[in-house]
Amino acid sequence: MSVWSVGADLSLWNEERVRQTRIEQHTEQHERVTNDLRGRVAEQEDGRGGAEGKRSTKGERQSTEGERTNW
C-alpha cells in the first residue's frame, strides 16, 4: 500500500466521520426542539402555559419577559 492510498483512505474516513458527526448533532438538536415543543403543548393543554397559553385579562397582557404590564 502506498503512502498516497493511505492518505486517501484517511481522507475518506475523516470526511465520513465529519458527516456522521454533523448528522448526530442535527439529530440531537431536532430531539431538543421536539421535546421543547411537546412540553409547551402539554403546558398549554394543562392550562399552565405562559403568555402563549393563557388569555390575558382586560387591560393586561404578558410582556415578552414574562412580567405583567398594563396596556
C-alpha atoms as a PDB file:
ATOM      1  CA  MET A   1       0.000   0.000   0.000  1.00  0.00           C
ATOM      2  CA  SER A   2       1.447   3.320  -0.969  1.00  0.00           C
ATOM      3  CA  VAL A   3       1.552   6.481   1.075  1.00  0.00           C
ATOM      4  CA  TRP A   4      -0.928   8.032  -1.358  1.00  0.00           C
ATOM      5  CA  SER A   5      -3.529   5.325  -0.853  1.00  0.00           C
ATOM      6  CA  VAL A   6      -3.168   5.505   2.933  1.00  0.00           C
ATOM      7  CA  GLY A   7      -3.624   9.279   2.765  1.00  0.00           C
ATOM      8  CA  ALA A   8      -6.667   8.885   0.521  1.00  0.00           C
ATOM      9  CA  ASP A   9      -8.182   6.293   2.871  1.00  0.00           C
ATOM     10  CA  LEU A  10      -7.648   8.567   5.867  1.00  0.00           C
ATOM     11  CA  SER A  11      -9.148  11.491   3.989  1.00  0.00           C
ATOM     12  CA  LEU A  12     -12.258   9.477   3.082  1.00  0.00           C
ATOM     13  CA  TRP A  13     -12.539   8.174   6.640  1.00  0.00           C
ATOM     14  CA  ASN A  14     -12.233  11.713   8.011  1.00  0.00           C
ATOM     15  CA  GLU A  15     -14.883  13.038   5.619  1.00  0.00           C
ATOM     16  CA  GLU A  16     -17.258  10.245   6.645  1.00  0.00           C
ATOM     17  CA  ARG A  17     -16.594  10.905  10.339  1.00  0.00           C
ATOM     18  CA  VAL A  18     -17.312  14.621   9.877  1.00  0.00           C
ATOM     19  CA  ARG A  19     -20.530  13.758   8.031  1.00  0.00           C
ATOM     20  CA  GLN A  20     -21.619  11.363  10.788  1.00  0.00           C
ATOM     21  CA  THR A  21     -20.843  13.953  13.476  1.00  0.00           C
ATOM     22  CA  ARG A  22     -22.974  16.550  11.689  1.00  0.00           C
ATOM     23  CA  ILE A  23     -25.837  14.076  11.383  1.00  0.00           C
ATOM     24  CA  GLU A  24     -25.593  13.256  15.104  1.00  0.00           C
ATOM     25  CA  GLN A  25     -25.541  16.942  16.073  1.00  0.00           C
ATOM     26  CA  HIS A  26     -28.529  17.692  13.841  1.00  0.00           C
ATOM     27  CA  THR A  27     -30.442  14.742  15.296  1.00  0.00           C
ATOM     28  CA  GLU A  28     -29.715  15.882  18.863  1.00  0.00           C
ATOM     29  CA  GLN A  29     -30.834  19.421  18.047  1.00  0.00           C
ATOM     30  CA  HIS A  30     -34.006  18.095  16.437  1.00  0.00           C
ATOM     31  CA  GLU A  31     -34.759  15.992  19.535  1.00  0.00           C
ATOM     32  CA  ARG A  32     -34.252  19.002  21.845  1.00  0.00           C
ATOM     33  CA  VAL A  33     -36.578  21.184  19.767  1.00  0.00           C
ATOM     34  CA  THR A  34     -39.175  18.415  19.519  1.00  0.00           C
ATOM     35  CA  ASN A  35     -39.112  17.815  23.278  1.00  0.00           C
ATOM     36  CA  ASP A  36     -39.356  21.554  23.951  1.00  0.00           C
ATOM     37  CA  LEU A  37     -42.368  21.871  21.676  1.00  0.00           C
ATOM     38  CA  ARG A  38     -44.034  18.817  23.227  1.00  0.00           C
ATOM     39  CA  GLY A  39     -43.536  20.363  26.653  1.00  0.00           C
ATOM     40  CA  ARG A  40     -45.051  23.650  25.535  1.00  0.00           C
ATOM     41  CA  VAL A  41     -48.060  21.898  24.018  1.00  0.00           C
ATOM     42  CA  ALA A  42     -48.563  19.894  27.212  1.00  0.00           C
ATOM     43  CA  GLU A  43     -48.380  23.077  29.303  1.00  0.00           C
ATOM     44  CA  GLN A  44     -50.948  24.782  27.104  1.00  0.00           C
ATOM     45  CA  GLU A  45     -53.269  21.788  27.254  1.00  0.00           C
ATOM     46  CA  ASP A  46     -52.937  21.698  31.045  1.00  0.00           C
ATOM     47  CA  GLY A  47     -53.551  25.436  31.282  1.00  0.00           C
ATOM     48  CA  ARG A  48     -50.077  26.007  32.711  1.00  0.00           C
ATOM     49  CA  GLY A  49     -48.720  27.843  29.700  1.00  0.00           C
ATOM     50  CA  GLY A  50     -47.227  31.291  29.993  1.00  0.00           C
ATOM     51  CA  ALA A  51     -48.150  34.181  27.723  1.00  0.00           C
ATOM     52  CA  GLU A  52     -48.862  31.802  24.870  1.00  0.00           C
ATOM     53  CA  GLY A  53     -51.145  29.513  26.855  1.00  0.00           C
ATOM     54  CA  LYS A  54     -53.238  31.947  28.883  1.00  0.00           C
ATOM     55  CA  ARG A  55     -55.763  34.503  27.887  1.00  0.00           C
ATOM     56  CA  SER A  56     -54.989  37.909  29.282  1.00  0.00           C
ATOM     57  CA  THR A  57     -57.477  39.753  31.404  1.00  0.00           C
ATOM     58  CA  LYS A  58     -58.941  43.046  30.299  1.00  0.00           C
ATOM     59  CA  GLY A  59     -56.261  45.722  30.114  1.00  0.00           C
ATOM     60  CA  GLU A  60     -53.490  43.328  30.986  1.00  0.00           C
ATOM     61  CA  ARG A  61     -51.064  41.492  28.737  1.00  0.00           C
ATOM     62  CA  GLN A  62     -47.975  39.350  29.221  1.00  0.00           C
ATOM     63  CA  SER A  63     -44.765  41.018  28.118  1.00  0.00           C
ATOM     64  CA  THR A  64     -42.061  39.064  26.336  1.00  0.00           C
ATOM     65  CA  GLU A  65     -40.045  38.861  29.568  1.00  0.00           C
ATOM     66  CA  GLY A  66     -42.966  37.215  31.340  1.00  0.00           C
ATOM     67  CA  GLU A  67     -43.782  40.153  33.597  1.00  0.00           C
ATOM     68  CA  ARG A  68     -47.250  41.632  33.588  1.00  0.00           C
ATOM     69  CA  THR A  69     -47.789  45.112  32.271  1.00  0.00           C
ATOM     70  CA  ASN A  70     -50.920  47.185  31.925  1.00  0.00           C
ATOM     71  CA  TRP A  71     -51.743  48.301  28.407  1.00  0.00           C
END
